[in-house]
Amino acid sequence: MTIAERLFEIYDEITIESPCKLRGQEGIDYFERQFMNGNVITYIQDGELLGFLEFWKISYEQWGRICCYITLAHNEDLLSGNICLIANMWIKPDLRNGETFLHLGRTFLEKNKDATHFAAQQFRKAHKPFQIYTREEVLKHYKIS
């Protein structure tokens, strides 16, 4: 099984059903592109995928559409915006809050120091579905210079 196939398999398991959910080969191709573009950080140990973090670098206009629940097209630029959005994150349940989480978080922040804002959607928190932080807030919090 390729890394793109495994990423898609996890995505398919953790993503709620919706008309926007990727299916079959389209999903595998999407994760292959994201992985090859460097937009997916993985943590693999002894050949097993223990966690991954997918991020997009989007524009303010794209962020506005996401906040209004307007789906981005599959061919939009996700590589060069000012906002770094965590699109998906998965860690094997028994390894959360450990080395896997630290590796994904550190690598994500190191790769995206140039972003002006960091954001994430929290589908399971209806009272606060979006989080956004400035670069300064994130770097100060995680003690990265």
C-alpha atoms as a PDB file:
ATOM      1  CA  MET A   1       0.000   0.000   0.000  1.00  0.00           C
ATOM      2  CA  THR A   2       1.402   3.421  -0.947  1.00  0.00           C
ATOM      3  CA  ILE A   3       1.532   6.319   1.506  1.00  0.00           C
ATOM      4  CA  ALA A   4      -1.180   8.119  -0.523  1.00  0.00           C
ATOM      5  CA  GLU A   5      -3.429   5.063  -0.313  1.00  0.00           C
ATOM      6  CA  ARG A   6      -2.904   4.816   3.462  1.00  0.00           C
ATOM      7  CA  LEU A   7      -3.551   8.568   3.925  1.00  0.00           C
ATOM      8  CA  PHE A   8      -6.753   8.261   1.915  1.00  0.00           C
ATOM      9  CA  GLU A   9      -7.826   5.185   3.875  1.00  0.00           C
ATOM     10  CA  ILE A  10      -7.482   7.115   7.160  1.00  0.00           C
ATOM     11  CA  TYR A  11      -9.159  10.197   5.663  1.00  0.00           C
ATOM     12  CA  ASP A  12     -12.082   8.039   4.542  1.00  0.00           C
ATOM     13  CA  GLU A  13     -12.441   6.594   8.066  1.00  0.00           C
ATOM     14  CA  ILE A  14     -12.267   9.917   9.963  1.00  0.00           C
ATOM     15  CA  THR A  15     -14.093  12.280   7.603  1.00  0.00           C
ATOM     16  CA  ILE A  16     -17.822  12.717   8.034  1.00  0.00           C
ATOM     17  CA  GLU A  17     -20.061  12.014   5.051  1.00  0.00           C
ATOM     18  CA  SER A  18     -20.708  15.047   2.870  1.00  0.00           C
ATOM     19  CA  PRO A  19     -21.067  15.872  -0.824  1.00  0.00           C
ATOM     20  CA  CYS A  20     -17.511  17.331  -0.682  1.00  0.00           C
ATOM     21  CA  LYS A  21     -15.855  14.173   0.652  1.00  0.00           C
ATOM     22  CA  LEU A  22     -13.276  12.743  -1.748  1.00  0.00           C
ATOM     23  CA  ARG A  23     -13.964   9.273  -3.091  1.00  0.00           C
ATOM     24  CA  GLY A  24     -11.876   6.444  -4.530  1.00  0.00           C
ATOM     25  CA  GLN A  25      -9.078   7.207  -6.965  1.00  0.00           C
ATOM     26  CA  GLU A  26      -9.780  10.959  -6.806  1.00  0.00           C
ATOM     27  CA  GLY A  27      -8.939  10.865  -3.094  1.00  0.00           C
ATOM     28  CA  ILE A  28      -5.793   8.816  -3.605  1.00  0.00           C
ATOM     29  CA  ASP A  29      -4.635  11.193  -6.367  1.00  0.00           C
ATOM     30  CA  TYR A  30      -5.333  14.186  -4.104  1.00  0.00           C
ATOM     31  CA  PHE A  31      -3.219  12.779  -1.256  1.00  0.00           C
ATOM     32  CA  GLU A  32      -0.451  11.835  -3.701  1.00  0.00           C
ATOM     33  CA  ARG A  33      -0.345  15.489  -4.897  1.00  0.00           C
ATOM     34  CA  GLN A  34      -0.448  16.850  -1.352  1.00  0.00           C
ATOM     35  CA  PHE A  35       2.325  14.497  -0.235  1.00  0.00           C
ATOM     36  CA  MET A  36       4.516  15.282  -3.251  1.00  0.00           C
ATOM     37  CA  ASN A  37       3.969  19.045  -2.740  1.00  0.00           C
ATOM     38  CA  GLY A  38       5.135  18.770   0.875  1.00  0.00           C
ATOM     39  CA  ASN A  39       1.707  19.587   2.305  1.00  0.00           C
ATOM     40  CA  VAL A  40       1.514  16.367   4.322  1.00  0.00           C
ATOM     41  CA  ILE A  41       3.841  15.675   7.224  1.00  0.00           C
ATOM     42  CA  THR A  42       4.004  12.047   8.320  1.00  0.00           C
ATOM     43  CA  TYR A  43       5.426  10.194  11.287  1.00  0.00           C
ATOM     44  CA  ILE A  44       6.368   6.624  10.369  1.00  0.00           C
ATOM     45  CA  GLN A  45       8.076   4.138  12.642  1.00  0.00           C
ATOM     46  CA  ASP A  46       9.024   0.571  11.655  1.00  0.00           C
ATOM     47  CA  GLY A  47       7.102   1.003   8.408  1.00  0.00           C
ATOM     48  CA  GLU A  48       3.837   1.931  10.178  1.00  0.00           C
ATOM     49  CA  LEU A  49       2.132   5.310   9.751  1.00  0.00           C
ATOM     50  CA  LEU A  50       1.585   6.599  13.292  1.00  0.00           C
ATOM     51  CA  GLY A  51       0.337  10.055  12.409  1.00  0.00           C
ATOM     52  CA  PHE A  52      -0.009  12.709   9.736  1.00  0.00           C
ATOM     53  CA  LEU A  53      -0.774  16.387   9.436  1.00  0.00           C
ATOM     54  CA  GLU A  54      -2.080  17.889   6.184  1.00  0.00           C
ATOM     55  CA  PHE A  55      -1.910  21.636   5.753  1.00  0.00           C
ATOM     56  CA  TRP A  56      -2.792  24.206   3.130  1.00  0.00           C
ATOM     57  CA  LYS A  57      -1.229  27.627   2.631  1.00  0.00           C
ATOM     58  CA  ILE A  58      -4.246  29.661   1.578  1.00  0.00           C
ATOM     59  CA  SER A  59      -5.108  33.293   0.823  1.00  0.00           C
ATOM     60  CA  TYR A  60      -7.317  35.533   2.952  1.00  0.00           C
ATOM     61  CA  GLU A  61     -10.018  35.217   0.278  1.00  0.00           C
ATOM     62  CA  GLN A  62      -9.882  31.412   0.450  1.00  0.00           C
ATOM     63  CA  TRP A  63     -10.038  31.573   4.259  1.00  0.00           C
ATOM     64  CA  GLY A  64     -13.148  33.751   3.997  1.00  0.00           C
ATOM     65  CA  ARG A  65     -14.831  31.174   1.787  1.00  0.00           C
ATOM     66  CA  ILE A  66     -13.938  28.372   4.208  1.00  0.00           C
ATOM     67  CA  CYS A  67     -15.404  30.383   7.112  1.00  0.00           C
ATOM     68  CA  CYS A  68     -18.624  30.726   5.081  1.00  0.00           C
ATOM     69  CA  TYR A  69     -18.583  26.959   4.465  1.00  0.00           C
ATOM     70  CA  ILE A  70     -17.961  27.401   0.744  1.00  0.00           C
ATOM     71  CA  THR A  71     -15.905  24.484  -0.547  1.00  0.00           C
ATOM     72  CA  LEU A  72     -12.620  25.186  -2.305  1.00  0.00           C
ATOM     73  CA  ALA A  73     -12.160  23.697  -5.758  1.00  0.00           C
ATOM     74  CA  HIS A  74      -9.800  20.709  -5.930  1.00  0.00           C
ATOM     75  CA  ASN A  75      -7.460  22.585  -8.287  1.00  0.00           C
ATOM     76  CA  GLU A  76      -6.993  25.748  -6.183  1.00  0.00           C
ATOM     77  CA  ASP A  77      -3.572  26.974  -5.083  1.00  0.00           C
ATOM     78  CA  LEU A  78      -2.908  25.498  -1.636  1.00  0.00           C
ATOM     79  CA  LEU A  79       0.815  26.267  -1.618  1.00  0.00           C
ATOM     80  CA  SER A  80       1.398  30.002  -1.473  1.00  0.00           C
ATOM     81  CA  GLY A  81      -1.069  31.836   0.777  1.00  0.00           C
ATOM     82  CA  ASN A  82      -0.386  33.766   3.996  1.00  0.00           C
ATOM     83  CA  ILE A  83      -2.602  31.577   6.169  1.00  0.00           C
ATOM     84  CA  CYS A  84      -1.451  28.098   7.071  1.00  0.00           C
ATOM     85  CA  LEU A  85      -4.539  25.958   7.670  1.00  0.00           C
ATOM     86  CA  ILE A  86      -4.398  22.524   9.237  1.00  0.00           C
ATOM     87  CA  ALA A  87      -6.725  20.627   6.909  1.00  0.00           C
ATOM     88  CA  ASN A  88      -6.440  17.157   8.482  1.00  0.00           C
ATOM     89  CA  MET A  89      -4.574  15.642  11.373  1.00  0.00           C
ATOM     90  CA  TRP A  90      -4.588  12.079  12.601  1.00  0.00           C
ATOM     91  CA  ILE A  91      -2.539  10.336  15.263  1.00  0.00           C
ATOM     92  CA  LYS A  92      -2.939   6.702  16.200  1.00  0.00           C
ATOM     93  CA  PRO A  93      -5.199   6.883  19.286  1.00  0.00           C
ATOM     94  CA  ASP A  94      -2.831   5.283  21.802  1.00  0.00           C
ATOM     95  CA  LEU A  95       0.006   7.648  20.758  1.00  0.00           C
ATOM     96  CA  ARG A  96      -1.712  11.030  21.149  1.00  0.00           C
ATOM     97  CA  ASN A  97       0.086  13.612  23.314  1.00  0.00           C
ATOM     98  CA  GLY A  98       3.405  11.863  22.837  1.00  0.00           C
ATOM     99  CA  GLU A  99       6.352  11.791  20.472  1.00  0.00           C
ATOM    100  CA  THR A 100       4.150  11.575  17.367  1.00  0.00           C
ATOM    101  CA  PHE A 101       2.255  14.755  18.268  1.00  0.00           C
ATOM    102  CA  LEU A 102       5.475  16.614  19.097  1.00  0.00           C
ATOM    103  CA  HIS A 103       7.126  15.569  15.821  1.00  0.00           C
ATOM    104  CA  LEU A 104       4.145  16.614  13.689  1.00  0.00           C
ATOM    105  CA  GLY A 105       3.757  19.915  15.539  1.00  0.00           C
ATOM    106  CA  ARG A 106       7.438  20.866  15.443  1.00  0.00           C
ATOM    107  CA  THR A 107       7.816  19.949  11.777  1.00  0.00           C
ATOM    108  CA  PHE A 108       4.639  21.835  10.858  1.00  0.00           C
ATOM    109  CA  LEU A 109       5.811  25.017  12.603  1.00  0.00           C
ATOM    110  CA  GLU A 110       9.351  24.795  11.206  1.00  0.00           C
ATOM    111  CA  LYS A 111       8.032  24.343   7.639  1.00  0.00           C
ATOM    112  CA  ASN A 112       5.616  27.266   7.957  1.00  0.00           C
ATOM    113  CA  LYS A 113       7.459  29.993   9.879  1.00  0.00           C
ATOM    114  CA  ASP A 114       6.742  32.407   7.028  1.00  0.00           C
ATOM    115  CA  ALA A 115       2.944  32.193   7.434  1.00  0.00           C
ATOM    116  CA  THR A 116       1.308  35.313   8.913  1.00  0.00           C
ATOM    117  CA  HIS A 117      -1.548  33.306  10.455  1.00  0.00           C
ATOM    118  CA  PHE A 118      -2.193  29.726  11.520  1.00  0.00           C
ATOM    119  CA  ALA A 119      -5.694  28.269  11.476  1.00  0.00           C
ATOM    120  CA  ALA A 120      -7.649  25.087  12.049  1.00  0.00           C
ATOM    121  CA  GLN A 121     -11.233  23.942  11.824  1.00  0.00           C
ATOM    122  CA  GLN A 122     -12.629  22.090  14.815  1.00  0.00           C
ATOM    123  CA  PHE A 123     -15.629  20.178  13.542  1.00  0.00           C
ATOM    124  CA  ARG A 124     -16.384  18.679  16.937  1.00  0.00           C
ATOM    125  CA  LYS A 125     -16.511  22.062  18.733  1.00  0.00           C
ATOM    126  CA  ALA A 126     -19.742  23.727  17.619  1.00  0.00           C
ATOM    127  CA  HIS A 127     -19.215  26.675  19.995  1.00  0.00           C
ATOM    128  CA  LYS A 128     -15.877  27.546  18.361  1.00  0.00           C
ATOM    129  CA  PRO A 129     -15.541  25.869  14.952  1.00  0.00           C
ATOM    130  CA  PHE A 130     -12.498  27.911  13.835  1.00  0.00           C
ATOM    131  CA  GLN A 131      -9.222  28.792  15.530  1.00  0.00           C
ATOM    132  CA  ILE A 132      -6.809  31.371  14.105  1.00  0.00           C
ATOM    133  CA  TYR A 133      -3.561  32.699  15.551  1.00  0.00           C
ATOM    134  CA  THR A 134      -0.924  35.154  14.380  1.00  0.00           C
ATOM    135  CA  ARG A 135       2.603  33.936  13.681  1.00  0.00           C
ATOM    136  CA  GLU A 136       3.855  35.804  16.752  1.00  0.00           C
ATOM    137  CA  GLU A 137       1.298  34.106  19.035  1.00  0.00           C
ATOM    138  CA  VAL A 138       2.221  30.653  17.763  1.00  0.00           C
ATOM    139  CA  LEU A 139       6.003  31.134  17.847  1.00  0.00           C
ATOM    140  CA  LYS A 140       5.842  32.627  21.359  1.00  0.00           C
ATOM    141  CA  HIS A 141       3.592  29.839  22.637  1.00  0.00           C
ATOM    142  CA  TYR A 142       5.821  27.074  21.239  1.00  0.00           C
ATOM    143  CA  LYS A 143       9.056  28.950  22.062  1.00  0.00           C
ATOM    144  CA  ILE A 144      10.338  28.964  18.480  1.00  0.00           C
ATOM    145  CA  SER A 145      12.458  31.882  17.294  1.00  0.00           C
END
